[in-house]
Amino acid sequence: MKLHVGNLPFSVDEEELKNLFSEYNPEEVILIKNKFSGRSKGFGFVTISDDEVAKKAISDLNGKDVGGREARVSEAKPMEERPERPRRSFGGDRGDRGDRGFSRRRF
């Protein structure tokens, strides 16, 4: 079962998250980080193979104080598919000309 762990302090690193779940024998621990700064975004995911153990982890750790914040632990929900957004064109309305509106003069 995949668990969502939220409301973590930004100072928490992946090792601390592993330690928090160590007694539940997690298969995978992922802390989501900002791709530019490398700093935690305050949430992560933990995968535990045994569903009963995962449910125990939820009941034991949800609301637990982690670095001064109340951690939120719940079963992760699959991402909902979002409708594809139309691509932006930044070139304005070109109509069917396809020439970007430039005129060429022939000499």
N, C-alpha and C. Protein backbone atom coordinates (compact mmCIF):
# COMPACT_ATOMS: atom_id res chain seq x y z
N MET A 1 0.85 -1.17 0.00
CA MET A 1 0.00 0.00 0.00
C MET A 1 0.90 1.23 0.00
N LYS A 2 0.52 2.20 -0.80
CA LYS A 2 1.28 3.44 -0.88
C LYS A 2 0.63 4.47 0.03
N LEU A 3 1.44 5.10 0.87
CA LEU A 3 0.94 6.09 1.81
C LEU A 3 1.43 7.48 1.42
N HIS A 4 0.56 8.46 1.63
CA HIS A 4 0.93 9.87 1.44
C HIS A 4 1.24 10.41 2.82
N VAL A 5 2.39 11.07 2.96
CA VAL A 5 2.80 11.66 4.23
C VAL A 5 2.94 13.15 4.00
N GLY A 6 2.05 13.92 4.61
CA GLY A 6 2.04 15.36 4.38
C GLY A 6 2.25 16.16 5.64
N ASN A 7 2.29 17.48 5.46
CA ASN A 7 2.48 18.45 6.54
C ASN A 7 3.80 18.24 7.28
N LEU A 8 4.81 17.81 6.52
CA LEU A 8 6.14 17.62 7.11
C LEU A 8 6.88 18.96 7.11
N PRO A 9 7.75 19.18 8.09
CA PRO A 9 8.56 20.40 8.05
C PRO A 9 9.50 20.35 6.84
N PHE A 10 9.80 21.50 6.29
CA PHE A 10 10.66 21.55 5.11
C PHE A 10 12.08 21.11 5.41
N SER A 11 12.43 21.06 6.69
CA SER A 11 13.78 20.65 7.09
C SER A 11 13.96 19.13 7.09
N VAL A 12 12.87 18.37 7.01
CA VAL A 12 12.96 16.90 7.04
C VAL A 12 13.64 16.40 5.78
N ASP A 13 14.56 15.44 5.95
CA ASP A 13 15.19 14.83 4.78
C ASP A 13 14.69 13.38 4.65
N GLU A 14 15.09 12.73 3.56
CA GLU A 14 14.63 11.38 3.28
C GLU A 14 15.03 10.39 4.37
N GLU A 15 16.19 10.58 4.94
CA GLU A 15 16.67 9.68 6.01
C GLU A 15 15.75 9.77 7.23
N GLU A 16 15.35 10.98 7.60
CA GLU A 16 14.44 11.14 8.74
C GLU A 16 13.09 10.50 8.47
N LEU A 17 12.62 10.59 7.23
CA LEU A 17 11.35 9.97 6.87
C LEU A 17 11.47 8.44 6.94
N LYS A 18 12.61 7.91 6.48
CA LYS A 18 12.85 6.46 6.60
C LYS A 18 12.84 6.03 8.06
N ASN A 19 13.50 6.82 8.92
CA ASN A 19 13.55 6.50 10.35
C ASN A 19 12.16 6.52 10.98
N LEU A 20 11.33 7.46 10.55
CA LEU A 20 9.98 7.56 11.08
C LEU A 20 9.17 6.29 10.81
N PHE A 21 9.38 5.69 9.63
CA PHE A 21 8.63 4.50 9.23
C PHE A 21 9.41 3.21 9.40
N SER A 22 10.57 3.24 10.01
CA SER A 22 11.45 2.07 10.06
C SER A 22 10.80 0.83 10.68
N GLU A 23 9.99 1.00 11.71
CA GLU A 23 9.39 -0.18 12.36
C GLU A 23 8.28 -0.82 11.53
N TYR A 24 7.89 -0.17 10.42
CA TYR A 24 6.83 -0.72 9.55
C TYR A 24 7.40 -1.36 8.30
N ASN A 25 8.72 -1.48 8.24
CA ASN A 25 9.42 -2.14 7.15
C ASN A 25 9.01 -1.60 5.76
N PRO A 26 9.28 -0.33 5.51
CA PRO A 26 8.89 0.24 4.21
C PRO A 26 9.75 -0.29 3.07
N GLU A 27 9.11 -0.52 1.93
CA GLU A 27 9.84 -0.94 0.72
C GLU A 27 10.50 0.25 0.05
N GLU A 28 9.77 1.37 0.06
CA GLU A 28 10.26 2.56 -0.64
C GLU A 28 9.83 3.80 0.12
N VAL A 29 10.75 4.76 0.22
CA VAL A 29 10.46 6.04 0.87
C VAL A 29 10.93 7.14 -0.08
N ILE A 30 10.00 8.01 -0.44
CA ILE A 30 10.33 9.09 -1.37
C ILE A 30 9.89 10.42 -0.77
N LEU A 31 10.80 11.34 -0.63
CA LEU A 31 10.49 12.69 -0.18
C LEU A 31 10.48 13.58 -1.41
N ILE A 32 9.41 14.30 -1.62
CA ILE A 32 9.30 15.17 -2.80
C ILE A 32 10.04 16.47 -2.52
N LYS A 33 10.92 16.82 -3.46
CA LYS A 33 11.77 18.00 -3.29
C LYS A 33 11.58 18.98 -4.43
N ASN A 34 11.88 20.23 -4.15
CA ASN A 34 11.87 21.26 -5.17
C ASN A 34 13.03 20.98 -6.13
N LYS A 35 12.73 20.95 -7.42
CA LYS A 35 13.78 20.55 -8.36
C LYS A 35 14.88 21.58 -8.52
N PHE A 36 14.64 22.81 -8.11
CA PHE A 36 15.66 23.84 -8.24
C PHE A 36 16.50 23.97 -6.97
N SER A 37 15.84 24.03 -5.82
CA SER A 37 16.57 24.24 -4.58
C SER A 37 16.96 22.93 -3.89
N GLY A 38 16.28 21.82 -4.21
CA GLY A 38 16.55 20.55 -3.55
C GLY A 38 15.93 20.44 -2.17
N ARG A 39 15.20 21.48 -1.78
CA ARG A 39 14.56 21.52 -0.46
C ARG A 39 13.24 20.74 -0.50
N SER A 40 12.90 20.12 0.62
CA SER A 40 11.66 19.36 0.73
C SER A 40 10.45 20.23 0.45
N LYS A 41 9.44 19.65 -0.19
CA LYS A 41 8.18 20.35 -0.41
C LYS A 41 7.20 20.09 0.73
N GLY A 42 7.62 19.31 1.73
CA GLY A 42 6.78 19.08 2.89
C GLY A 42 5.89 17.86 2.80
N PHE A 43 6.13 17.01 1.79
CA PHE A 43 5.36 15.77 1.71
C PHE A 43 6.17 14.71 0.99
N GLY A 44 5.71 13.46 1.15
CA GLY A 44 6.39 12.35 0.50
C GLY A 44 5.48 11.14 0.43
N PHE A 45 6.03 10.04 -0.03
CA PHE A 45 5.28 8.80 -0.18
C PHE A 45 6.10 7.65 0.40
N VAL A 46 5.39 6.73 1.05
CA VAL A 46 6.02 5.55 1.63
C VAL A 46 5.23 4.34 1.16
N THR A 47 5.92 3.33 0.63
CA THR A 47 5.26 2.11 0.18
C THR A 47 5.56 1.00 1.18
N ILE A 48 4.49 0.37 1.67
CA ILE A 48 4.59 -0.75 2.61
C ILE A 48 3.84 -1.91 1.99
N SER A 49 4.50 -3.06 1.84
CA SER A 49 3.91 -4.19 1.11
C SER A 49 2.73 -4.82 1.84
N ASP A 50 2.77 -4.90 3.15
CA ASP A 50 1.70 -5.53 3.93
C ASP A 50 0.64 -4.48 4.27
N ASP A 51 -0.58 -4.66 3.74
CA ASP A 51 -1.65 -3.69 3.94
C ASP A 51 -2.01 -3.50 5.42
N GLU A 52 -1.98 -4.56 6.19
CA GLU A 52 -2.30 -4.44 7.62
C GLU A 52 -1.26 -3.60 8.34
N VAL A 53 -0.01 -3.80 8.01
CA VAL A 53 1.08 -3.01 8.62
C VAL A 53 0.94 -1.56 8.18
N ALA A 54 0.58 -1.33 6.92
CA ALA A 54 0.40 0.03 6.41
C ALA A 54 -0.73 0.73 7.17
N LYS A 55 -1.83 0.02 7.41
CA LYS A 55 -2.95 0.61 8.16
C LYS A 55 -2.53 0.95 9.60
N LYS A 56 -1.69 0.10 10.18
CA LYS A 56 -1.18 0.37 11.53
C LYS A 56 -0.29 1.61 11.51
N ALA A 57 0.52 1.75 10.47
CA ALA A 57 1.37 2.94 10.35
C ALA A 57 0.51 4.20 10.26
N ILE A 58 -0.58 4.12 9.50
CA ILE A 58 -1.48 5.28 9.39
C ILE A 58 -2.04 5.63 10.76
N SER A 59 -2.56 4.63 11.48
CA SER A 59 -3.17 4.93 12.78
C SER A 59 -2.14 5.40 13.81
N ASP A 60 -0.92 4.87 13.74
CA ASP A 60 0.12 5.25 14.71
C ASP A 60 0.72 6.63 14.41
N LEU A 61 0.91 6.95 13.14
CA LEU A 61 1.69 8.13 12.79
C LEU A 61 0.87 9.34 12.37
N ASN A 62 -0.39 9.15 11.99
CA ASN A 62 -1.21 10.30 11.61
C ASN A 62 -1.43 11.19 12.83
N GLY A 63 -1.03 12.45 12.71
CA GLY A 63 -1.16 13.39 13.82
C GLY A 63 0.06 13.45 14.72
N LYS A 64 1.05 12.60 14.45
CA LYS A 64 2.27 12.59 15.27
C LYS A 64 3.08 13.87 15.02
N ASP A 65 3.69 14.38 16.09
CA ASP A 65 4.53 15.57 15.96
C ASP A 65 5.84 15.20 15.29
N VAL A 66 6.11 15.85 14.18
CA VAL A 66 7.37 15.66 13.45
C VAL A 66 7.98 17.04 13.25
N GLY A 67 9.02 17.32 13.99
CA GLY A 67 9.70 18.61 13.86
C GLY A 67 8.81 19.80 14.14
N GLY A 68 7.87 19.64 15.07
CA GLY A 68 6.99 20.75 15.43
C GLY A 68 5.73 20.86 14.59
N ARG A 69 5.53 19.92 13.67
CA ARG A 69 4.32 19.92 12.84
C ARG A 69 3.59 18.60 12.99
N GLU A 70 2.28 18.63 12.83
CA GLU A 70 1.45 17.44 12.95
C GLU A 70 1.40 16.73 11.60
N ALA A 71 2.10 15.62 11.49
CA ALA A 71 2.17 14.87 10.22
C ALA A 71 0.79 14.33 9.85
N ARG A 72 0.51 14.31 8.58
CA ARG A 72 -0.73 13.75 8.04
C ARG A 72 -0.35 12.51 7.23
N VAL A 73 -0.81 11.35 7.67
CA VAL A 73 -0.50 10.09 6.99
C VAL A 73 -1.81 9.47 6.55
N SER A 74 -1.91 9.17 5.26
CA SER A 74 -3.13 8.56 4.73
C SER A 74 -2.77 7.69 3.52
N GLU A 75 -3.73 6.87 3.10
CA GLU A 75 -3.52 6.07 1.90
C GLU A 75 -3.45 7.01 0.70
N ALA A 76 -2.44 6.80 -0.12
CA ALA A 76 -2.27 7.66 -1.30
C ALA A 76 -3.35 7.35 -2.33
N LYS A 77 -3.88 8.39 -2.92
CA LYS A 77 -4.88 8.24 -3.97
C LYS A 77 -4.19 8.41 -5.31
N PRO A 78 -4.58 7.62 -6.31
CA PRO A 78 -3.97 7.80 -7.63
C PRO A 78 -4.32 9.18 -8.19
N MET A 79 -3.38 9.74 -8.94
CA MET A 79 -3.63 11.05 -9.54
C MET A 79 -4.78 10.95 -10.52
N GLU A 80 -5.66 11.94 -10.48
CA GLU A 80 -6.75 11.99 -11.44
C GLU A 80 -6.21 12.55 -12.74
N GLU A 81 -6.71 12.00 -13.83
CA GLU A 81 -6.27 12.52 -15.12
C GLU A 81 -6.88 13.88 -15.34
N ARG A 82 -6.04 14.80 -15.75
CA ARG A 82 -6.51 16.14 -16.03
C ARG A 82 -6.68 16.28 -17.54
N PRO A 83 -7.66 17.04 -17.97
CA PRO A 83 -7.79 17.23 -19.41
C PRO A 83 -6.57 17.97 -19.95
N GLU A 84 -6.18 17.59 -21.14
CA GLU A 84 -5.00 18.22 -21.74
C GLU A 84 -5.31 19.67 -22.05
N ARG A 85 -4.39 20.53 -21.66
CA ARG A 85 -4.57 21.95 -21.92
C ARG A 85 -4.12 22.26 -23.34
N PRO A 86 -4.80 23.19 -23.98
CA PRO A 86 -4.36 23.55 -25.33
C PRO A 86 -2.99 24.21 -25.27
N ARG A 87 -2.20 23.96 -26.26
CA ARG A 87 -0.86 24.54 -26.31
C ARG A 87 -0.96 26.01 -26.66
N ARG A 88 -0.07 26.80 -26.06
CA ARG A 88 -0.07 28.22 -26.34
C ARG A 88 0.78 28.50 -27.56
N SER A 89 0.39 29.50 -28.30
CA SER A 89 1.10 29.80 -29.52
C SER A 89 1.93 31.06 -29.41
N PHE A 90 1.88 31.95 -28.63
CA PHE A 90 2.71 33.14 -28.51
C PHE A 90 2.98 33.88 -29.82
N GLY A 91 2.48 33.42 -30.94
CA GLY A 91 2.76 34.08 -32.20
C GLY A 91 1.59 34.88 -32.71
N GLY A 92 0.55 34.94 -31.96
CA GLY A 92 -0.62 35.68 -32.40
C GLY A 92 -1.39 34.87 -33.44
N ASP A 93 -2.44 35.47 -33.95
CA ASP A 93 -3.28 34.78 -34.93
C ASP A 93 -2.63 34.88 -36.30
N ARG A 94 -2.21 33.77 -36.82
CA ARG A 94 -1.55 33.75 -38.12
C ARG A 94 -2.51 33.39 -39.23
N GLY A 95 -3.68 32.97 -38.86
CA GLY A 95 -4.61 32.54 -39.89
C GLY A 95 -4.04 31.34 -40.61
N ASP A 96 -4.28 31.23 -41.88
CA ASP A 96 -3.76 30.11 -42.65
C ASP A 96 -2.52 30.49 -43.45
N ARG A 97 -1.99 31.68 -43.20
CA ARG A 97 -0.84 32.12 -43.98
C ARG A 97 0.41 31.32 -43.65
N GLY A 98 0.65 31.09 -42.40
CA GLY A 98 1.82 30.32 -42.00
C GLY A 98 3.12 31.05 -42.21
N ASP A 99 3.07 32.33 -42.60
CA ASP A 99 4.31 33.06 -42.85
C ASP A 99 4.63 34.07 -41.76
N ARG A 100 3.99 33.95 -40.66
CA ARG A 100 4.20 34.81 -39.49
C ARG A 100 3.89 36.27 -39.78
N GLY A 101 3.22 36.54 -40.86
CA GLY A 101 2.81 37.90 -41.14
C GLY A 101 3.89 38.76 -41.76
N PHE A 102 5.05 38.20 -42.04
CA PHE A 102 6.11 38.98 -42.68
C PHE A 102 5.88 38.99 -44.18
N SER A 103 6.14 40.12 -44.77
CA SER A 103 6.03 40.16 -46.23
C SER A 103 7.44 40.22 -46.80
N ARG A 104 7.62 39.54 -47.86
CA ARG A 104 8.93 39.55 -48.52
C ARG A 104 8.80 40.32 -49.83
N ARG A 105 9.74 41.16 -50.03
CA ARG A 105 9.76 41.87 -51.29
C ARG A 105 10.79 41.23 -52.20
N ARG A 106 10.41 41.14 -53.40
CA ARG A 106 11.39 40.63 -54.37
C ARG A 106 11.97 41.80 -55.14
N PHE A 107 13.24 41.79 -55.31
CA PHE A 107 13.91 42.89 -56.01
C PHE A 107 14.19 42.52 -57.43
